C-alpha cells in the first residue's frame, strides 16, 4: 500500500518562498510519475506540476511557470515543489499524487500554504 505524506507548508508573506516535500512509502515510487495539485477554498482542485519517473521531464501549469519548480529524489522516495515569488492567489492546500497505472492512483492528505499580502 502506498502512502504519501506532504510537509513544508505554512504562512508566508507575498514574495516569499516555500519548499514542499512529499515522501512516499511502498515500492512503486521510483518508476511512477508524480504530481502536485492544489485546492483553494471554494474552488476545484487544480493541477500544478508533474514530473516523470526519472525527473527528465517536467510540466508546470502556466500560472506558476517561472515561479514553481518540481523535482524528485528517487533515493529517498521524495518529490519536491519549490515555490518562489508566492502570491496570495497561491493560497491553497497542496497535495501530491502518484501515477502508477496511467492515472493518479494515490494521494496525500495535503499541506496548507497561506500567502499573506
N, C-alpha and C. Protein backbone atom coordinates (compact mmCIF):
# COMPACT_ATOMS: atom_id res chain seq x y z
N UNK A 1 0.84 -1.18 0.00
CA UNK A 1 0.00 0.00 0.00
C UNK A 1 0.89 1.25 0.00
N UNK A 2 0.58 2.17 -0.88
CA UNK A 2 1.36 3.41 -0.99
C UNK A 2 0.76 4.46 -0.07
N UNK A 3 1.61 5.14 0.64
CA UNK A 3 1.20 6.29 1.43
C UNK A 3 2.05 7.49 1.03
N UNK A 4 1.42 8.64 0.90
CA UNK A 4 2.10 9.88 0.55
C UNK A 4 1.88 10.88 1.68
N UNK A 5 2.97 11.47 2.15
CA UNK A 5 2.89 12.42 3.26
C UNK A 5 3.58 13.71 2.85
N UNK A 6 2.81 14.79 2.81
CA UNK A 6 3.34 16.09 2.45
C UNK A 6 3.77 16.88 3.68
N UNK A 7 4.73 17.76 3.48
CA UNK A 7 5.16 18.67 4.54
C UNK A 7 5.74 19.92 3.91
N UNK A 8 5.99 20.93 4.75
CA UNK A 8 6.64 22.13 4.27
C UNK A 8 5.73 23.33 4.07
N UNK A 9 4.44 23.12 4.24
CA UNK A 9 3.52 24.25 4.10
C UNK A 9 3.64 25.21 5.27
N UNK A 10 2.94 26.32 5.17
CA UNK A 10 2.96 27.30 6.24
C UNK A 10 2.45 28.63 5.79
N UNK A 11 2.68 29.62 6.63
CA UNK A 11 2.27 31.00 6.35
C UNK A 11 3.49 31.80 5.90
N UNK A 12 3.35 32.47 4.77
CA UNK A 12 4.46 33.24 4.23
C UNK A 12 3.91 34.53 3.63
N UNK A 13 4.73 35.57 3.64
CA UNK A 13 4.32 36.82 3.02
C UNK A 13 4.46 36.75 1.51
N UNK A 14 3.69 37.55 0.83
CA UNK A 14 3.79 37.63 -0.63
C UNK A 14 5.24 37.94 -1.03
N UNK A 15 5.70 37.24 -2.05
CA UNK A 15 7.08 37.37 -2.49
C UNK A 15 8.02 36.38 -1.86
N UNK A 16 7.55 35.68 -0.85
CA UNK A 16 8.38 34.71 -0.16
C UNK A 16 8.44 33.37 -0.87
N UNK A 17 9.12 32.42 -0.22
CA UNK A 17 9.32 31.09 -0.79
C UNK A 17 9.00 30.00 0.21
N UNK A 18 8.61 28.87 -0.31
CA UNK A 18 8.43 27.65 0.48
C UNK A 18 8.88 26.47 -0.38
N UNK A 19 9.33 25.43 0.29
CA UNK A 19 9.60 24.18 -0.42
C UNK A 19 8.77 23.08 0.21
N UNK A 20 7.90 22.51 -0.59
CA UNK A 20 7.07 21.39 -0.15
C UNK A 20 7.78 20.08 -0.45
N UNK A 21 7.57 19.11 0.43
CA UNK A 21 8.11 17.77 0.24
C UNK A 21 6.97 16.77 0.32
N UNK A 22 7.12 15.70 -0.40
CA UNK A 22 6.16 14.60 -0.36
C UNK A 22 6.96 13.31 -0.32
N UNK A 23 6.83 12.59 0.79
CA UNK A 23 7.55 11.33 0.95
C UNK A 23 6.58 10.18 0.70
N UNK A 24 7.02 9.24 -0.12
CA UNK A 24 6.18 8.11 -0.48
C UNK A 24 6.70 6.83 0.13
N UNK A 25 5.79 6.01 0.61
CA UNK A 25 6.14 4.67 1.05
C UNK A 25 5.87 3.72 -0.10
N UNK A 26 6.28 2.47 0.05
CA UNK A 26 6.00 1.49 -0.99
C UNK A 26 7.11 1.36 -1.99
N UNK A 27 6.93 0.48 -2.95
CA UNK A 27 7.98 0.11 -3.89
C UNK A 27 7.81 0.71 -5.27
N UNK A 28 6.78 1.52 -5.47
CA UNK A 28 6.46 1.98 -6.82
C UNK A 28 7.01 3.36 -7.15
N UNK A 29 7.51 4.08 -6.16
CA UNK A 29 7.85 5.49 -6.37
C UNK A 29 8.83 5.68 -7.50
N UNK A 30 9.90 4.90 -7.53
CA UNK A 30 10.98 5.17 -8.47
C UNK A 30 10.60 4.93 -9.93
N UNK A 31 9.46 4.31 -10.16
CA UNK A 31 9.01 4.08 -11.54
C UNK A 31 7.73 4.83 -11.86
N UNK A 32 7.27 5.65 -10.95
CA UNK A 32 5.99 6.33 -11.11
C UNK A 32 6.17 7.82 -11.38
N UNK A 33 5.31 8.36 -12.22
CA UNK A 33 5.21 9.81 -12.36
C UNK A 33 4.56 10.37 -11.10
N UNK A 34 4.93 11.59 -10.76
CA UNK A 34 4.40 12.24 -9.58
C UNK A 34 3.88 13.63 -9.97
N UNK A 35 2.96 14.13 -9.18
CA UNK A 35 2.40 15.45 -9.48
C UNK A 35 2.01 16.16 -8.19
N UNK A 36 1.90 17.47 -8.32
CA UNK A 36 1.35 18.30 -7.26
C UNK A 36 0.06 18.94 -7.78
N UNK A 37 -0.94 18.95 -6.92
CA UNK A 37 -2.21 19.63 -7.17
C UNK A 37 -2.48 20.59 -6.01
N UNK A 38 -3.40 21.49 -6.21
CA UNK A 38 -3.79 22.37 -5.12
C UNK A 38 -5.29 22.65 -5.18
N UNK A 39 -5.84 22.96 -4.02
CA UNK A 39 -7.25 23.30 -3.95
C UNK A 39 -7.43 24.47 -3.00
N UNK A 40 -7.91 25.57 -3.53
CA UNK A 40 -8.19 26.75 -2.74
C UNK A 40 -9.62 26.68 -2.21
N UNK A 41 -9.92 27.40 -1.15
CA UNK A 41 -11.27 27.37 -0.58
C UNK A 41 -12.32 27.75 -1.62
N UNK A 42 -13.34 26.92 -1.73
CA UNK A 42 -14.43 27.21 -2.65
C UNK A 42 -14.13 26.96 -4.11
N UNK A 43 -12.96 26.40 -4.39
CA UNK A 43 -12.57 26.15 -5.78
C UNK A 43 -12.29 24.67 -6.00
N UNK A 44 -12.29 24.28 -7.26
CA UNK A 44 -11.98 22.90 -7.59
C UNK A 44 -10.46 22.67 -7.51
N UNK A 45 -10.10 21.42 -7.33
CA UNK A 45 -8.69 21.08 -7.32
C UNK A 45 -8.10 21.33 -8.70
N UNK A 46 -6.88 21.87 -8.72
CA UNK A 46 -6.24 22.14 -9.99
C UNK A 46 -4.82 21.58 -10.02
N UNK A 47 -4.40 21.23 -11.22
CA UNK A 47 -3.06 20.72 -11.45
C UNK A 47 -2.04 21.85 -11.29
N UNK A 48 -0.89 21.52 -10.67
CA UNK A 48 0.18 22.50 -10.52
C UNK A 48 1.41 22.09 -11.32
N UNK A 49 1.88 20.86 -11.09
CA UNK A 49 3.12 20.44 -11.76
C UNK A 49 3.21 18.93 -11.72
N UNK A 50 3.97 18.37 -12.67
CA UNK A 50 4.19 16.93 -12.72
C UNK A 50 5.61 16.64 -13.15
N UNK A 51 6.06 15.43 -12.83
CA UNK A 51 7.43 15.02 -13.17
C UNK A 51 7.40 13.54 -13.51
N UNK A 52 8.18 13.15 -14.51
CA UNK A 52 8.17 11.74 -14.90
C UNK A 52 9.04 10.93 -13.93
N UNK A 53 9.17 9.63 -14.19
CA UNK A 53 9.76 8.73 -13.19
C UNK A 53 11.20 9.05 -12.84
N UNK A 54 11.98 9.55 -13.81
CA UNK A 54 13.40 9.80 -13.52
C UNK A 54 13.73 11.28 -13.43
N UNK A 55 12.73 12.13 -13.47
CA UNK A 55 12.96 13.57 -13.37
C UNK A 55 13.38 14.23 -14.66
N UNK A 56 13.41 13.47 -15.74
CA UNK A 56 13.87 14.02 -17.00
C UNK A 56 12.88 14.92 -17.70
N UNK A 57 11.62 14.82 -17.33
CA UNK A 57 10.57 15.63 -17.95
C UNK A 57 9.68 16.20 -16.87
N UNK A 58 9.42 17.48 -16.97
CA UNK A 58 8.53 18.14 -16.01
C UNK A 58 7.50 18.99 -16.75
N UNK A 59 6.37 19.20 -16.10
CA UNK A 59 5.29 20.04 -16.62
C UNK A 59 4.87 20.98 -15.50
N UNK A 60 4.65 22.22 -15.84
CA UNK A 60 4.24 23.20 -14.84
C UNK A 60 3.07 24.01 -15.41
N UNK A 61 2.07 24.18 -14.60
CA UNK A 61 0.89 24.93 -15.02
C UNK A 61 1.27 26.38 -15.30
N UNK A 62 0.62 26.99 -16.26
CA UNK A 62 1.03 28.30 -16.73
C UNK A 62 1.07 29.37 -15.64
N UNK A 63 0.13 29.33 -14.72
CA UNK A 63 0.07 30.40 -13.71
C UNK A 63 1.23 30.37 -12.73
N UNK A 64 1.95 29.26 -12.67
CA UNK A 64 3.08 29.16 -11.75
C UNK A 64 4.41 29.00 -12.49
N UNK A 65 4.36 28.99 -13.80
CA UNK A 65 5.58 28.81 -14.58
C UNK A 65 6.56 29.94 -14.30
N UNK A 66 7.82 29.57 -14.10
CA UNK A 66 8.84 30.56 -13.77
C UNK A 66 8.94 30.84 -12.28
N UNK A 67 7.96 30.38 -11.51
CA UNK A 67 7.98 30.58 -10.05
C UNK A 67 8.10 29.26 -9.29
N UNK A 68 7.48 28.21 -9.79
CA UNK A 68 7.47 26.91 -9.13
C UNK A 68 8.33 25.92 -9.91
N UNK A 69 9.02 25.06 -9.18
CA UNK A 69 9.83 24.01 -9.80
C UNK A 69 9.56 22.69 -9.10
N UNK A 70 9.32 21.65 -9.89
CA UNK A 70 9.13 20.32 -9.33
C UNK A 70 10.40 19.51 -9.55
N UNK A 71 10.74 18.70 -8.55
CA UNK A 71 11.92 17.84 -8.67
C UNK A 71 11.69 16.61 -7.81
N UNK A 72 12.58 15.64 -7.93
CA UNK A 72 12.43 14.41 -7.16
C UNK A 72 13.78 13.82 -6.83
N UNK A 73 13.79 13.01 -5.77
CA UNK A 73 14.97 12.26 -5.37
C UNK A 73 14.52 10.82 -5.14
N UNK A 74 14.77 9.97 -6.11
CA UNK A 74 14.30 8.58 -6.01
C UNK A 74 15.02 7.80 -4.92
N UNK A 75 16.19 8.24 -4.52
CA UNK A 75 16.93 7.53 -3.47
C UNK A 75 16.22 7.62 -2.13
N UNK A 76 15.42 8.67 -1.95
CA UNK A 76 14.71 8.83 -0.67
C UNK A 76 13.20 8.96 -0.87
N UNK A 77 12.73 8.51 -2.03
CA UNK A 77 11.29 8.46 -2.30
C UNK A 77 10.59 9.80 -2.04
N UNK A 78 11.18 10.86 -2.52
CA UNK A 78 10.64 12.19 -2.22
C UNK A 78 10.51 13.03 -3.48
N UNK A 79 9.41 13.73 -3.57
CA UNK A 79 9.19 14.72 -4.63
C UNK A 79 9.03 16.08 -3.96
N UNK A 80 9.56 17.09 -4.62
CA UNK A 80 9.56 18.44 -4.05
C UNK A 80 8.80 19.42 -4.95
N UNK A 81 8.33 20.48 -4.33
CA UNK A 81 7.80 21.62 -5.08
C UNK A 81 8.41 22.87 -4.48
N UNK A 82 9.34 23.45 -5.20
CA UNK A 82 9.95 24.71 -4.77
C UNK A 82 9.07 25.85 -5.29
N UNK A 83 8.61 26.68 -4.37
CA UNK A 83 7.70 27.76 -4.72
C UNK A 83 8.33 29.09 -4.36
N UNK A 84 8.59 29.89 -5.36
CA UNK A 84 9.18 31.22 -5.17
C UNK A 84 8.20 32.29 -5.61
N UNK A 85 8.47 33.51 -5.20
CA UNK A 85 7.63 34.66 -5.57
C UNK A 85 6.16 34.37 -5.32
N UNK A 86 5.87 33.87 -4.15
CA UNK A 86 4.50 33.46 -3.84
C UNK A 86 3.55 34.65 -3.83
N UNK A 87 2.32 34.36 -4.23
CA UNK A 87 1.26 35.38 -4.32
C UNK A 87 0.08 34.95 -3.46
N UNK A 88 -0.74 35.88 -3.02
CA UNK A 88 -1.92 35.49 -2.23
C UNK A 88 -2.80 34.47 -2.95
N UNK A 89 -2.87 34.53 -4.26
CA UNK A 89 -3.71 33.58 -5.01
C UNK A 89 -3.11 32.17 -5.05
N UNK A 90 -1.90 31.99 -4.53
CA UNK A 90 -1.33 30.66 -4.40
C UNK A 90 -1.80 29.96 -3.13
N UNK A 91 -2.54 30.66 -2.29
CA UNK A 91 -3.04 30.06 -1.06
C UNK A 91 -3.96 28.89 -1.38
N UNK A 92 -3.65 27.74 -0.79
CA UNK A 92 -4.41 26.52 -1.07
C UNK A 92 -3.84 25.38 -0.23
N UNK A 93 -4.55 24.27 -0.27
CA UNK A 93 -3.99 23.01 0.23
C UNK A 93 -3.30 22.33 -0.94
N UNK A 94 -2.04 22.00 -0.75
CA UNK A 94 -1.24 21.37 -1.81
C UNK A 94 -1.09 19.89 -1.50
N UNK A 95 -1.41 19.07 -2.49
CA UNK A 95 -1.35 17.63 -2.33
C UNK A 95 -0.49 17.01 -3.42
N UNK A 96 0.21 15.94 -3.07
CA UNK A 96 0.95 15.21 -4.09
C UNK A 96 0.17 13.96 -4.48
N UNK A 97 0.45 13.47 -5.66
CA UNK A 97 -0.23 12.30 -6.19
C UNK A 97 0.75 11.44 -6.98
N UNK A 98 0.53 10.15 -6.96
CA UNK A 98 1.41 9.19 -7.64
C UNK A 98 0.63 8.49 -8.74
N UNK A 99 1.23 8.45 -9.91
CA UNK A 99 0.62 7.81 -11.08
C UNK A 99 1.29 6.47 -11.30
N UNK A 100 0.58 5.40 -10.97
CA UNK A 100 1.13 4.05 -11.12
C UNK A 100 0.56 3.37 -12.36
N UNK A 101 -0.71 3.63 -12.64
CA UNK A 101 -1.40 2.85 -13.68
C UNK A 101 -1.87 3.71 -14.83
N UNK A 102 -1.34 4.91 -14.97
CA UNK A 102 -1.80 5.81 -16.01
C UNK A 102 -2.78 6.84 -15.50
N UNK A 103 -3.10 6.76 -14.24
CA UNK A 103 -3.96 7.74 -13.58
C UNK A 103 -3.34 8.00 -12.21
N UNK A 104 -3.83 9.04 -11.53
CA UNK A 104 -3.28 9.33 -10.20
C UNK A 104 -3.97 8.42 -9.19
N UNK A 105 -3.26 7.35 -8.83
CA UNK A 105 -3.85 6.29 -8.03
C UNK A 105 -3.80 6.59 -6.54
N UNK A 106 -2.79 7.31 -6.11
CA UNK A 106 -2.58 7.54 -4.69
C UNK A 106 -2.42 9.04 -4.43
N UNK A 107 -2.98 9.46 -3.29
CA UNK A 107 -2.98 10.88 -2.93
C UNK A 107 -2.58 11.06 -1.47
N UNK A 108 -1.87 12.14 -1.20
CA UNK A 108 -1.62 12.52 0.17
C UNK A 108 -2.75 13.38 0.71
N UNK A 109 -2.70 13.66 2.00
CA UNK A 109 -3.74 14.47 2.62
C UNK A 109 -3.55 15.96 2.38
N UNK A 110 -2.33 16.35 2.06
CA UNK A 110 -2.10 17.74 1.72
C UNK A 110 -1.44 18.54 2.83
N UNK A 111 -0.89 19.69 2.43
CA UNK A 111 -0.29 20.62 3.37
C UNK A 111 -0.79 22.02 3.02
N UNK A 112 -1.11 22.81 4.04
CA UNK A 112 -1.70 24.12 3.81
C UNK A 112 -0.61 25.16 3.52
N UNK A 113 -0.82 25.91 2.47
CA UNK A 113 0.03 27.04 2.14
C UNK A 113 -0.83 28.30 2.18
N UNK A 114 -0.41 29.26 2.98
CA UNK A 114 -1.14 30.52 3.09
C UNK A 114 -0.18 31.67 2.80
N UNK A 115 -0.54 32.50 1.84
CA UNK A 115 0.30 33.62 1.43
C UNK A 115 -0.43 34.91 1.79
N UNK A 116 0.17 35.69 2.65
CA UNK A 116 -0.46 36.95 3.07
C UNK A 116 0.03 38.10 2.20
N UNK A 117 -0.84 39.07 2.01
CA UNK A 117 -0.49 40.21 1.16
C UNK A 117 0.15 41.33 1.97
